Amino acid sequence: MKKRKPHFLLVVLSLCFVTSVFAQRRHHGNYRIQNGFGIMGALTQFDILTDNFETKSSNGWMVGASATVDIPHKWYNVSYLIQLSENHIDISANNLLSQSEFVEYKMFAAQIALMMHIKLVSSYVTLDVGPMLQYNDKLNLKDDDQEDYVLTNYTNLTAKDISDISKFNVDGAVGITAGYAFIKLRAQYIYGFTNILGKLNDKDLNTTGAS
């Protein structure tokens, strides 16, 4: 894929509920460090930012778990995070009658992250930032009957031709979390730094007609 380097964007409009299920307390001098384990569920919106295709973001879901270290005497906390998601995206194509419509793809992904939670209002409201490593599946067509649809702006490139995308990607995440010790709400913005469509450059794809 030529032109502007494609990146992906995942917005975790987290109705993301994080519930602490256990905690361990250890005294270190005059302060206390608390370790916690959390589980969460979320709704997502996924898109690929590219000049190569006409895309439209679509909804998906995410579940995950985290291990958090709450450090009362510091201005931040840290957590380790693992997330599993099924994301959806629509890409414009022409059907067999040359009528334009959106073809829906889905992509399963697993992410691991090290997050820093900057305390804005004690531990009740935090700004969350950190790097992520991602492994994802192919772009799988939701409807196999659409696999021979020709992608918009191309003459011969079909919907099935772009399924085999890059599997390993490096992401960055930023978000905000609000709540109490046992339940929190989180909104998160995940940006892919690597070219998720990069593997397509290694294939002998017919991109005739690309503008």
N, C-alpha and C. Protein backbone atom coordinates (compact mmCIF):
# COMPACT_ATOMS: atom_id res chain seq x y z
N MET A 1 0.84 -1.19 0.00
CA MET A 1 0.00 0.00 0.00
C MET A 1 0.88 1.25 0.00
N LYS A 2 0.71 2.11 -0.96
CA LYS A 2 1.52 3.32 -1.10
C LYS A 2 0.82 4.48 -0.38
N LYS A 3 1.21 5.68 -0.76
CA LYS A 3 0.65 6.93 -0.25
C LYS A 3 0.95 7.08 1.25
N ARG A 4 0.07 7.79 1.94
CA ARG A 4 0.29 8.03 3.36
C ARG A 4 0.34 6.71 4.12
N LYS A 5 1.27 6.61 5.04
CA LYS A 5 1.41 5.38 5.82
C LYS A 5 0.16 5.14 6.66
N PRO A 6 -0.49 3.98 6.48
CA PRO A 6 -1.74 3.72 7.21
C PRO A 6 -1.49 3.40 8.68
N HIS A 7 -2.35 3.89 9.54
CA HIS A 7 -2.34 3.58 10.96
C HIS A 7 -3.76 3.19 11.36
N PHE A 8 -3.87 2.52 12.50
CA PHE A 8 -5.22 2.24 12.96
C PHE A 8 -5.51 3.02 14.23
N LEU A 9 -6.78 3.21 14.46
CA LEU A 9 -7.26 3.95 15.62
C LEU A 9 -8.34 3.14 16.30
N LEU A 10 -8.17 2.92 17.60
CA LEU A 10 -9.16 2.18 18.39
C LEU A 10 -9.60 3.07 19.54
N VAL A 11 -10.86 3.44 19.55
CA VAL A 11 -11.42 4.26 20.63
C VAL A 11 -12.21 3.34 21.55
N VAL A 12 -11.73 3.20 22.78
CA VAL A 12 -12.40 2.37 23.77
C VAL A 12 -13.29 3.28 24.59
N LEU A 13 -14.54 3.44 24.15
CA LEU A 13 -15.49 4.26 24.86
C LEU A 13 -15.94 3.40 26.02
N SER A 14 -15.04 3.28 26.94
CA SER A 14 -15.20 2.29 27.93
C SER A 14 -16.29 2.72 28.86
N LEU A 15 -17.42 2.25 28.44
CA LEU A 15 -18.16 1.70 29.50
C LEU A 15 -17.22 0.60 29.91
N CYS A 16 -16.08 0.94 30.38
CA CYS A 16 -15.11 -0.05 30.80
C CYS A 16 -15.16 -0.13 32.30
N PHE A 17 -15.70 -1.20 32.81
CA PHE A 17 -15.86 -1.35 34.25
C PHE A 17 -14.68 -2.12 34.81
N VAL A 18 -13.96 -1.53 35.74
CA VAL A 18 -12.80 -2.16 36.35
C VAL A 18 -13.11 -2.40 37.82
N THR A 19 -13.16 -3.67 38.21
CA THR A 19 -13.52 -4.03 39.57
C THR A 19 -12.36 -4.72 40.26
N SER A 20 -11.92 -4.19 41.37
CA SER A 20 -10.86 -4.81 42.14
C SER A 20 -11.42 -6.03 42.86
N VAL A 21 -10.79 -7.18 42.67
CA VAL A 21 -11.30 -8.40 43.29
C VAL A 21 -10.44 -8.87 44.45
N PHE A 22 -9.22 -8.37 44.58
CA PHE A 22 -8.45 -8.64 45.78
C PHE A 22 -7.37 -7.58 45.92
N ALA A 23 -6.86 -7.43 47.12
CA ALA A 23 -5.80 -6.46 47.34
C ALA A 23 -4.87 -6.99 48.42
N GLN A 24 -3.60 -6.67 48.29
CA GLN A 24 -2.60 -7.01 49.28
C GLN A 24 -1.97 -5.72 49.76
N ARG A 25 -1.79 -5.57 51.07
CA ARG A 25 -1.22 -4.35 51.63
C ARG A 25 0.11 -4.66 52.30
N ARG A 26 1.08 -3.83 52.02
CA ARG A 26 2.39 -3.98 52.63
C ARG A 26 2.83 -2.63 53.16
N HIS A 27 3.33 -2.59 54.37
CA HIS A 27 3.76 -1.34 54.97
C HIS A 27 5.24 -1.11 54.69
N HIS A 28 5.56 0.07 54.19
CA HIS A 28 6.93 0.47 53.91
C HIS A 28 7.15 1.81 54.62
N GLY A 29 7.69 1.76 55.82
CA GLY A 29 7.87 2.99 56.56
C GLY A 29 6.53 3.61 56.91
N ASN A 30 6.31 4.85 56.47
CA ASN A 30 5.09 5.57 56.81
C ASN A 30 4.04 5.52 55.71
N TYR A 31 4.25 4.73 54.66
CA TYR A 31 3.25 4.65 53.59
C TYR A 31 2.92 3.20 53.28
N ARG A 32 1.84 3.01 52.55
CA ARG A 32 1.32 1.68 52.27
C ARG A 32 1.14 1.50 50.76
N ILE A 33 1.66 0.41 50.23
CA ILE A 33 1.48 0.08 48.82
C ILE A 33 0.38 -0.97 48.71
N GLN A 34 -0.57 -0.72 47.82
CA GLN A 34 -1.70 -1.64 47.65
C GLN A 34 -1.67 -2.23 46.25
N ASN A 35 -1.70 -3.56 46.17
CA ASN A 35 -1.74 -4.26 44.90
C ASN A 35 -3.16 -4.73 44.63
N GLY A 36 -3.60 -4.61 43.40
CA GLY A 36 -4.97 -5.01 43.07
C GLY A 36 -5.04 -5.73 41.74
N PHE A 37 -6.10 -6.47 41.56
CA PHE A 37 -6.38 -7.16 40.30
C PHE A 37 -7.74 -6.71 39.81
N GLY A 38 -7.85 -6.40 38.53
CA GLY A 38 -9.12 -5.90 38.00
C GLY A 38 -9.56 -6.65 36.76
N ILE A 39 -10.85 -6.63 36.50
CA ILE A 39 -11.41 -7.15 35.26
C ILE A 39 -12.25 -6.04 34.63
N MET A 40 -12.40 -6.09 33.31
CA MET A 40 -13.13 -5.02 32.65
C MET A 40 -13.81 -5.50 31.39
N GLY A 41 -14.80 -4.74 30.97
CA GLY A 41 -15.48 -4.95 29.71
C GLY A 41 -15.72 -3.60 29.07
N ALA A 42 -15.71 -3.55 27.74
CA ALA A 42 -15.79 -2.26 27.07
C ALA A 42 -16.44 -2.38 25.70
N LEU A 43 -16.92 -1.24 25.21
CA LEU A 43 -17.35 -1.09 23.83
C LEU A 43 -16.26 -0.33 23.08
N THR A 44 -16.05 -0.66 21.80
CA THR A 44 -14.97 -0.04 21.04
C THR A 44 -15.47 0.50 19.70
N GLN A 45 -14.69 1.42 19.15
CA GLN A 45 -14.84 1.86 17.76
C GLN A 45 -13.48 1.78 17.11
N PHE A 46 -13.42 1.12 15.94
CA PHE A 46 -12.16 0.84 15.27
C PHE A 46 -12.17 1.44 13.87
N ASP A 47 -11.02 2.00 13.47
CA ASP A 47 -10.89 2.53 12.11
C ASP A 47 -9.44 2.40 11.67
N ILE A 48 -9.20 2.39 10.37
CA ILE A 48 -7.86 2.43 9.81
C ILE A 48 -7.72 3.75 9.06
N LEU A 49 -6.73 4.55 9.47
CA LEU A 49 -6.51 5.87 8.88
C LEU A 49 -5.59 5.71 7.68
N THR A 50 -6.15 5.78 6.47
CA THR A 50 -5.38 5.50 5.26
C THR A 50 -5.95 6.24 4.07
N ASP A 51 -5.08 6.53 3.10
CA ASP A 51 -5.52 7.10 1.82
C ASP A 51 -5.87 6.01 0.81
N ASN A 52 -5.57 4.76 1.14
CA ASN A 52 -5.74 3.67 0.19
C ASN A 52 -7.18 3.23 0.02
N PHE A 53 -7.99 3.34 1.07
CA PHE A 53 -9.37 2.87 1.03
C PHE A 53 -10.30 3.90 1.66
N GLU A 54 -11.57 3.79 1.31
CA GLU A 54 -12.61 4.57 1.97
C GLU A 54 -13.15 3.72 3.12
N THR A 55 -12.88 4.15 4.34
CA THR A 55 -13.26 3.35 5.51
C THR A 55 -14.30 4.07 6.36
N LYS A 56 -14.98 3.28 7.16
CA LYS A 56 -15.94 3.82 8.13
C LYS A 56 -15.79 3.02 9.41
N SER A 57 -15.63 3.71 10.53
CA SER A 57 -15.45 3.02 11.81
C SER A 57 -16.71 2.27 12.19
N SER A 58 -16.52 1.21 12.97
CA SER A 58 -17.65 0.39 13.38
C SER A 58 -17.43 -0.07 14.82
N ASN A 59 -18.49 -0.56 15.44
CA ASN A 59 -18.45 -0.93 16.85
C ASN A 59 -17.92 -2.34 17.07
N GLY A 60 -17.30 -2.56 18.22
CA GLY A 60 -16.84 -3.87 18.63
C GLY A 60 -16.88 -3.99 20.14
N TRP A 61 -16.16 -4.97 20.66
CA TRP A 61 -16.15 -5.18 22.11
C TRP A 61 -14.74 -5.53 22.58
N MET A 62 -14.55 -5.39 23.88
CA MET A 62 -13.25 -5.69 24.49
C MET A 62 -13.46 -6.20 25.90
N VAL A 63 -12.65 -7.18 26.31
CA VAL A 63 -12.58 -7.62 27.70
C VAL A 63 -11.11 -7.62 28.09
N GLY A 64 -10.85 -7.53 29.39
CA GLY A 64 -9.46 -7.49 29.81
C GLY A 64 -9.28 -7.69 31.29
N ALA A 65 -8.02 -7.74 31.69
CA ALA A 65 -7.65 -7.87 33.09
C ALA A 65 -6.42 -7.01 33.34
N SER A 66 -6.28 -6.55 34.58
CA SER A 66 -5.15 -5.69 34.92
C SER A 66 -4.63 -6.01 36.31
N ALA A 67 -3.34 -5.77 36.51
CA ALA A 67 -2.71 -5.84 37.83
C ALA A 67 -2.18 -4.45 38.12
N THR A 68 -2.63 -3.85 39.21
CA THR A 68 -2.35 -2.45 39.51
C THR A 68 -1.55 -2.32 40.80
N VAL A 69 -0.59 -1.40 40.80
CA VAL A 69 0.16 -1.04 42.00
C VAL A 69 -0.22 0.39 42.36
N ASP A 70 -0.89 0.57 43.49
CA ASP A 70 -1.32 1.88 43.97
C ASP A 70 -0.25 2.39 44.94
N ILE A 71 0.41 3.51 44.58
CA ILE A 71 1.52 4.05 45.38
C ILE A 71 1.07 5.39 45.97
N PRO A 72 0.58 5.41 47.20
CA PRO A 72 -0.04 6.62 47.76
C PRO A 72 0.87 7.84 47.81
N HIS A 73 2.18 7.64 48.04
CA HIS A 73 3.07 8.79 48.21
C HIS A 73 3.62 9.32 46.89
N LYS A 74 3.23 8.72 45.75
CA LYS A 74 3.67 9.16 44.44
C LYS A 74 2.53 9.86 43.70
N TRP A 75 2.87 10.58 42.61
CA TRP A 75 1.87 11.28 41.81
C TRP A 75 1.31 10.40 40.71
N TYR A 76 1.66 9.13 40.74
CA TYR A 76 1.19 8.20 39.71
C TYR A 76 1.03 6.80 40.30
N ASN A 77 0.23 5.97 39.63
CA ASN A 77 0.17 4.54 39.85
C ASN A 77 0.60 3.85 38.56
N VAL A 78 0.86 2.55 38.63
CA VAL A 78 1.21 1.80 37.42
C VAL A 78 0.36 0.53 37.36
N SER A 79 0.15 0.04 36.14
CA SER A 79 -0.60 -1.21 35.98
C SER A 79 -0.10 -1.96 34.75
N TYR A 80 -0.26 -3.26 34.81
CA TYR A 80 -0.03 -4.14 33.67
C TYR A 80 -1.40 -4.58 33.16
N LEU A 81 -1.56 -4.58 31.86
CA LEU A 81 -2.89 -4.77 31.28
C LEU A 81 -2.84 -5.76 30.13
N ILE A 82 -3.84 -6.64 30.07
CA ILE A 82 -4.03 -7.49 28.90
C ILE A 82 -5.46 -7.32 28.43
N GLN A 83 -5.63 -7.16 27.11
CA GLN A 83 -6.96 -6.91 26.54
C GLN A 83 -7.18 -7.82 25.34
N LEU A 84 -8.39 -8.34 25.22
CA LEU A 84 -8.81 -9.13 24.07
C LEU A 84 -10.00 -8.42 23.44
N SER A 85 -9.97 -8.27 22.12
CA SER A 85 -11.05 -7.50 21.48
C SER A 85 -11.43 -8.10 20.14
N GLU A 86 -12.67 -7.84 19.75
CA GLU A 86 -13.13 -8.10 18.39
C GLU A 86 -13.58 -6.77 17.82
N ASN A 87 -12.85 -6.31 16.81
CA ASN A 87 -13.11 -4.99 16.23
C ASN A 87 -13.67 -5.12 14.83
N HIS A 88 -14.50 -4.15 14.45
CA HIS A 88 -15.16 -4.17 13.15
C HIS A 88 -14.84 -2.88 12.39
N ILE A 89 -14.72 -3.00 11.07
CA ILE A 89 -14.50 -1.84 10.22
C ILE A 89 -15.20 -2.07 8.89
N ASP A 90 -15.73 -1.00 8.30
CA ASP A 90 -16.40 -1.07 7.00
C ASP A 90 -15.51 -0.40 5.95
N ILE A 91 -15.35 -1.06 4.80
CA ILE A 91 -14.55 -0.53 3.69
C ILE A 91 -15.41 -0.50 2.44
N SER A 92 -15.39 0.62 1.74
CA SER A 92 -16.23 0.81 0.57
C SER A 92 -15.77 -0.07 -0.60
N ALA A 93 -16.75 -0.68 -1.28
CA ALA A 93 -16.47 -1.54 -2.43
C ALA A 93 -17.65 -1.49 -3.39
N ASN A 94 -17.44 -2.02 -4.59
CA ASN A 94 -18.50 -2.12 -5.58
C ASN A 94 -18.94 -3.57 -5.72
N ASN A 95 -20.24 -3.80 -5.62
CA ASN A 95 -20.74 -5.17 -5.73
C ASN A 95 -20.73 -5.63 -7.19
N LEU A 96 -21.26 -6.82 -7.44
CA LEU A 96 -21.21 -7.41 -8.78
C LEU A 96 -22.02 -6.63 -9.80
N LEU A 97 -22.90 -5.74 -9.32
CA LEU A 97 -23.68 -4.88 -10.20
C LEU A 97 -23.06 -3.48 -10.30
N SER A 98 -21.82 -3.37 -9.79
CA SER A 98 -21.07 -2.09 -9.79
C SER A 98 -21.74 -1.02 -8.94
N GLN A 99 -22.51 -1.45 -7.94
CA GLN A 99 -23.12 -0.52 -7.00
C GLN A 99 -22.24 -0.41 -5.76
N SER A 100 -22.04 0.80 -5.28
CA SER A 100 -21.17 1.03 -4.14
C SER A 100 -21.87 0.69 -2.83
N GLU A 101 -21.17 -0.04 -1.96
CA GLU A 101 -21.67 -0.33 -0.62
C GLU A 101 -20.47 -0.63 0.28
N PHE A 102 -20.72 -0.66 1.57
CA PHE A 102 -19.63 -0.93 2.51
C PHE A 102 -19.58 -2.42 2.83
N VAL A 103 -18.36 -2.96 2.80
CA VAL A 103 -18.09 -4.35 3.15
C VAL A 103 -17.58 -4.37 4.59
N GLU A 104 -18.15 -5.24 5.42
CA GLU A 104 -17.78 -5.27 6.84
C GLU A 104 -16.72 -6.34 7.09
N TYR A 105 -15.66 -5.93 7.79
CA TYR A 105 -14.61 -6.84 8.24
C TYR A 105 -14.62 -6.89 9.77
N LYS A 106 -14.09 -7.98 10.31
CA LYS A 106 -13.86 -8.06 11.75
C LYS A 106 -12.43 -8.53 11.99
N MET A 107 -11.87 -8.10 13.11
CA MET A 107 -10.48 -8.42 13.44
C MET A 107 -10.37 -8.71 14.93
N PHE A 108 -9.88 -9.89 15.28
CA PHE A 108 -9.62 -10.23 16.68
C PHE A 108 -8.22 -9.78 17.04
N ALA A 109 -8.05 -9.22 18.25
CA ALA A 109 -6.74 -8.71 18.66
C ALA A 109 -6.50 -8.97 20.13
N ALA A 110 -5.22 -9.14 20.48
CA ALA A 110 -4.78 -9.25 21.87
C ALA A 110 -3.71 -8.19 22.11
N GLN A 111 -3.82 -7.47 23.22
CA GLN A 111 -2.88 -6.40 23.53
C GLN A 111 -2.36 -6.57 24.95
N ILE A 112 -1.08 -6.27 25.14
CA ILE A 112 -0.51 -6.17 26.48
C ILE A 112 0.09 -4.78 26.62
N ALA A 113 0.00 -4.22 27.83
CA ALA A 113 0.41 -2.83 28.01
C ALA A 113 0.98 -2.60 29.40
N LEU A 114 1.86 -1.62 29.49
CA LEU A 114 2.32 -1.08 30.76
C LEU A 114 1.82 0.35 30.82
N MET A 115 0.94 0.64 31.77
CA MET A 115 0.29 1.94 31.83
C MET A 115 0.73 2.72 33.06
N MET A 116 0.90 4.03 32.87
CA MET A 116 1.10 4.95 33.99
C MET A 116 -0.18 5.74 34.19
N HIS A 117 -0.64 5.82 35.43
CA HIS A 117 -1.89 6.52 35.77
C HIS A 117 -1.54 7.76 36.59
N ILE A 118 -1.55 8.91 35.93
CA ILE A 118 -1.20 10.17 36.58
C ILE A 118 -2.39 10.67 37.38
N LYS A 119 -2.18 10.91 38.67
CA LYS A 119 -3.28 11.27 39.56
C LYS A 119 -3.68 12.73 39.37
N LEU A 120 -4.89 12.93 38.90
CA LEU A 120 -5.44 14.28 38.75
C LEU A 120 -6.22 14.68 39.99
N VAL A 121 -7.02 13.76 40.52
CA VAL A 121 -7.75 13.95 41.77
C VAL A 121 -7.49 12.71 42.61
N SER A 122 -6.36 12.72 43.33
CA SER A 122 -5.93 11.55 44.10
C SER A 122 -5.95 10.34 43.17
N SER A 123 -6.50 9.21 43.63
CA SER A 123 -6.62 8.03 42.77
C SER A 123 -8.01 7.93 42.15
N TYR A 124 -8.85 8.95 42.39
CA TYR A 124 -10.23 8.89 41.90
C TYR A 124 -10.34 9.26 40.42
N VAL A 125 -9.47 10.16 39.96
CA VAL A 125 -9.44 10.54 38.54
C VAL A 125 -7.99 10.51 38.09
N THR A 126 -7.68 9.72 37.06
CA THR A 126 -6.31 9.62 36.57
C THR A 126 -6.24 9.80 35.07
N LEU A 127 -5.10 10.32 34.61
CA LEU A 127 -4.78 10.39 33.19
C LEU A 127 -3.89 9.19 32.89
N ASP A 128 -4.29 8.36 31.93
CA ASP A 128 -3.62 7.09 31.68
C ASP A 128 -2.82 7.16 30.37
N VAL A 129 -1.55 6.81 30.42
CA VAL A 129 -0.71 6.79 29.21
C VAL A 129 0.21 5.58 29.27
N GLY A 130 0.54 5.05 28.08
CA GLY A 130 1.48 3.94 28.07
C GLY A 130 1.57 3.26 26.72
N PRO A 131 2.63 2.44 26.53
CA PRO A 131 2.82 1.70 25.29
C PRO A 131 2.09 0.36 25.31
N MET A 132 1.79 -0.16 24.12
CA MET A 132 1.13 -1.45 23.97
C MET A 132 1.80 -2.26 22.87
N LEU A 133 1.79 -3.57 23.04
CA LEU A 133 2.15 -4.50 21.98
C LEU A 133 0.89 -5.24 21.57
N GLN A 134 0.68 -5.40 20.28
CA GLN A 134 -0.56 -6.00 19.80
C GLN A 134 -0.29 -7.14 18.82
N TYR A 135 -1.02 -8.23 19.02
CA TYR A 135 -1.09 -9.30 18.02
C TYR A 135 -2.53 -9.37 17.54
N ASN A 136 -2.72 -9.34 16.22
CA ASN A 136 -4.08 -9.38 15.69
C ASN A 136 -4.21 -10.42 14.59
N ASP A 137 -5.43 -10.84 14.38
CA ASP A 137 -5.78 -11.79 13.33
C ASP A 137 -5.84 -11.05 11.99
N LYS A 138 -6.22 -11.77 10.95
CA LYS A 138 -6.48 -11.17 9.65
C LYS A 138 -7.73 -10.30 9.71
N LEU A 139 -7.93 -9.50 8.68
CA LEU A 139 -9.22 -8.86 8.46
C LEU A 139 -10.14 -9.90 7.83
N ASN A 140 -11.11 -10.36 8.59
CA ASN A 140 -12.00 -11.41 8.13
C ASN A 140 -13.33 -10.82 7.67
N LEU A 141 -13.75 -11.18 6.48
CA LEU A 141 -15.03 -10.71 5.96
C LEU A 141 -16.17 -11.29 6.79
N LYS A 142 -17.11 -10.44 7.16
CA LYS A 142 -18.26 -10.93 7.90
C LYS A 142 -19.19 -11.72 6.98
N ASP A 143 -19.26 -11.33 5.71
CA ASP A 143 -20.10 -12.01 4.73
C ASP A 143 -19.21 -12.49 3.58
N ASP A 144 -18.99 -13.80 3.51
CA ASP A 144 -18.11 -14.35 2.47
C ASP A 144 -18.64 -14.13 1.05
N ASP A 145 -19.92 -13.85 0.93
CA ASP A 145 -20.49 -13.59 -0.40
C ASP A 145 -19.96 -12.29 -0.99
N GLN A 146 -19.31 -11.45 -0.16
CA GLN A 146 -18.78 -10.17 -0.63
C GLN A 146 -17.29 -10.23 -0.98
N GLU A 147 -16.69 -11.42 -0.96
CA GLU A 147 -15.24 -11.51 -1.13
C GLU A 147 -14.75 -11.06 -2.50
N ASP A 148 -15.60 -11.13 -3.52
CA ASP A 148 -15.19 -10.72 -4.86
C ASP A 148 -15.62 -9.30 -5.21
N TYR A 149 -16.16 -8.56 -4.24
CA TYR A 149 -16.48 -7.16 -4.48
C TYR A 149 -15.18 -6.40 -4.73
N VAL A 150 -15.21 -5.47 -5.67
CA VAL A 150 -14.01 -4.69 -6.02
C VAL A 150 -13.97 -3.42 -5.16
N LEU A 151 -12.86 -3.21 -4.48
CA LEU A 151 -12.73 -2.07 -3.58
C LEU A 151 -12.79 -0.76 -4.35
N THR A 152 -13.42 0.23 -3.74
CA THR A 152 -13.61 1.54 -4.36
C THR A 152 -12.26 2.15 -4.75
N ASN A 153 -12.21 2.73 -5.95
CA ASN A 153 -11.04 3.37 -6.55
C ASN A 153 -10.06 2.38 -7.17
N TYR A 154 -10.42 1.10 -7.19
CA TYR A 154 -9.57 0.09 -7.81
C TYR A 154 -10.35 -0.62 -8.91
N THR A 155 -9.60 -1.23 -9.83
CA THR A 155 -10.21 -1.94 -10.95
C THR A 155 -10.32 -3.44 -10.69
N ASN A 156 -9.30 -4.00 -10.02
CA ASN A 156 -9.27 -5.45 -9.83
C ASN A 156 -9.02 -5.89 -8.39
N LEU A 157 -8.73 -4.98 -7.49
CA LEU A 157 -8.44 -5.34 -6.10
C LEU A 157 -9.75 -5.66 -5.38
N THR A 158 -9.86 -6.89 -4.90
CA THR A 158 -11.12 -7.35 -4.30
C THR A 158 -11.07 -7.33 -2.78
N ALA A 159 -12.23 -7.49 -2.17
CA ALA A 159 -12.34 -7.44 -0.72
C ALA A 159 -11.50 -8.51 -0.04
N LYS A 160 -11.39 -9.68 -0.64
CA LYS A 160 -10.63 -10.77 -0.01
C LYS A 160 -9.12 -10.56 -0.13
N ASP A 161 -8.68 -9.71 -1.07
CA ASP A 161 -7.25 -9.53 -1.31
C ASP A 161 -6.52 -8.84 -0.16
N ILE A 162 -7.23 -8.07 0.66
CA ILE A 162 -6.56 -7.26 1.68
C ILE A 162 -6.69 -7.86 3.08
N SER A 163 -7.07 -9.12 3.17
CA SER A 163 -7.30 -9.74 4.48
C SER A 163 -6.02 -9.97 5.26
N ASP A 164 -4.92 -10.30 4.59
CA ASP A 164 -3.70 -10.72 5.28
C ASP A 164 -2.85 -9.52 5.67
N ILE A 165 -3.26 -8.85 6.75
CA ILE A 165 -2.58 -7.65 7.22
C ILE A 165 -1.45 -8.01 8.19
N SER A 166 -0.69 -7.00 8.63
CA SER A 166 0.41 -7.22 9.57
C SER A 166 -0.14 -7.70 10.91
N LYS A 167 0.50 -8.75 11.46
CA LYS A 167 -0.02 -9.38 12.67
C LYS A 167 0.48 -8.72 13.96
N PHE A 168 1.71 -8.19 13.95
CA PHE A 168 2.28 -7.59 15.15
C PHE A 168 2.38 -6.08 14.95
N ASN A 169 1.89 -5.34 15.95
CA ASN A 169 1.87 -3.88 15.86
C ASN A 169 2.23 -3.27 17.20
N VAL A 170 2.76 -2.05 17.15
CA VAL A 170 3.10 -1.29 18.35
C VAL A 170 2.13 -0.13 18.47
N ASP A 171 1.51 0.00 19.63
CA ASP A 171 0.47 1.01 19.84
C ASP A 171 0.86 1.94 20.99
N GLY A 172 0.16 3.06 21.05
CA GLY A 172 0.22 3.94 22.20
C GLY A 172 -1.19 4.21 22.69
N ALA A 173 -1.35 4.32 23.99
CA ALA A 173 -2.68 4.52 24.57
C ALA A 173 -2.69 5.74 25.48
N VAL A 174 -3.78 6.50 25.43
CA VAL A 174 -4.01 7.60 26.34
C VAL A 174 -5.48 7.60 26.70
N GLY A 175 -5.78 7.89 27.95
CA GLY A 175 -7.18 7.86 28.38
C GLY A 175 -7.36 8.51 29.73
N ILE A 176 -8.55 8.41 30.23
CA ILE A 176 -8.88 8.95 31.55
C ILE A 176 -9.76 7.95 32.28
N THR A 177 -9.49 7.79 33.57
CA THR A 177 -10.23 6.85 34.41
C THR A 177 -10.80 7.60 35.60
N ALA A 178 -12.04 7.29 35.95
CA ALA A 178 -12.67 7.92 37.11
C ALA A 178 -13.46 6.87 37.87
N GLY A 179 -13.43 6.97 39.21
CA GLY A 179 -14.21 6.03 40.01
C GLY A 179 -13.59 5.80 41.37
N TYR A 180 -14.14 4.82 42.07
CA TYR A 180 -13.68 4.46 43.40
C TYR A 180 -12.82 3.20 43.32
N ALA A 181 -12.47 2.64 44.47
CA ALA A 181 -11.54 1.52 44.51
C ALA A 181 -12.06 0.30 43.78
N PHE A 182 -13.36 0.07 43.83
CA PHE A 182 -13.89 -1.20 43.33
C PHE A 182 -14.60 -1.11 41.99
N ILE A 183 -14.87 0.08 41.51
CA ILE A 183 -15.49 0.20 40.19
C ILE A 183 -15.07 1.52 39.56
N LYS A 184 -14.66 1.45 38.31
CA LYS A 184 -14.16 2.63 37.61
C LYS A 184 -14.70 2.65 36.18
N LEU A 185 -14.79 3.85 35.64
CA LEU A 185 -15.14 4.05 34.24
C LEU A 185 -13.91 4.57 33.51
N ARG A 186 -13.69 4.07 32.30
CA ARG A 186 -12.49 4.48 31.56
C ARG A 186 -12.82 4.77 30.11
N ALA A 187 -12.26 5.86 29.61
CA ALA A 187 -12.30 6.16 28.18
C ALA A 187 -10.86 6.13 27.68
N GLN A 188 -10.63 5.42 26.59
CA GLN A 188 -9.25 5.20 26.13
C GLN A 188 -9.16 5.36 24.61
N TYR A 189 -8.06 5.95 24.19
CA TYR A 189 -7.78 6.20 22.77
C TYR A 189 -6.48 5.46 22.45
N ILE A 190 -6.54 4.49 21.53
CA ILE A 190 -5.38 3.68 21.18
C ILE A 190 -5.00 3.97 19.72
N TYR A 191 -3.74 4.32 19.51
CA TYR A 191 -3.25 4.67 18.17
C TYR A 191 -2.14 3.71 17.77
N GLY A 192 -2.25 3.13 16.58
CA GLY A 192 -1.23 2.22 16.09
C GLY A 192 -0.09 2.97 15.42
N PHE A 193 1.13 2.84 15.96
CA PHE A 193 2.28 3.54 15.39
C PHE A 193 2.81 2.85 14.14
N THR A 194 2.60 1.55 14.03
CA THR A 194 3.12 0.81 12.89
C THR A 194 2.06 0.70 11.79
N ASN A 195 2.51 0.33 10.60
CA ASN A 195 1.63 0.24 9.43
C ASN A 195 0.91 -1.10 9.44
N ILE A 196 -0.34 -1.10 9.86
CA ILE A 196 -1.08 -2.35 9.96
C ILE A 196 -1.35 -2.97 8.59
N LEU A 197 -1.25 -2.17 7.52
CA LEU A 197 -1.43 -2.69 6.16
C LEU A 197 -0.09 -3.00 5.48
N GLY A 198 1.00 -2.88 6.23
CA GLY A 198 2.33 -3.00 5.64
C GLY A 198 2.58 -4.33 4.96
N LYS A 199 2.02 -5.41 5.48
CA LYS A 199 2.26 -6.73 4.89
C LYS A 199 1.72 -6.83 3.47
N LEU A 200 0.72 -6.00 3.16
CA LEU A 200 0.15 -6.03 1.81
C LEU A 200 1.15 -5.55 0.76
N ASN A 201 2.15 -4.75 1.20
CA ASN A 201 3.16 -4.28 0.25
C ASN A 201 4.03 -5.41 -0.27
N ASP A 202 4.10 -6.51 0.49
CA ASP A 202 4.93 -7.65 0.09
C ASP A 202 4.20 -8.59 -0.86
N LYS A 203 2.94 -8.31 -1.13
CA LYS A 203 2.15 -9.18 -2.00
C LYS A 203 2.03 -8.56 -3.39
N ASP A 204 1.88 -9.41 -4.36
CA ASP A 204 1.75 -8.95 -5.75
C ASP A 204 0.28 -8.65 -6.04
N LEU A 205 -0.21 -7.56 -5.44
CA LEU A 205 -1.61 -7.19 -5.59
C LEU A 205 -1.80 -6.31 -6.82
N ASN A 206 -2.91 -6.50 -7.47
CA ASN A 206 -3.25 -5.67 -8.64
C ASN A 206 -3.95 -4.42 -8.15
N THR A 207 -3.20 -3.31 -8.10
CA THR A 207 -3.75 -2.05 -7.60
C THR A 207 -4.08 -1.09 -8.73
N THR A 208 -4.36 -1.61 -9.90
CA THR A 208 -4.75 -0.78 -11.04
C THR A 208 -5.97 0.06 -10.68
N GLY A 209 -5.90 1.34 -11.03
CA GLY A 209 -7.03 2.22 -10.78
C GLY A 209 -6.89 3.04 -9.53
N ALA A 210 -5.90 2.75 -8.68
CA ALA A 210 -5.73 3.52 -7.46
C ALA A 210 -5.40 4.96 -7.80
N SER A 211 -6.10 5.87 -7.14
CA SER A 211 -5.87 7.30 -7.42
C SER A 211 -4.89 7.90 -6.44
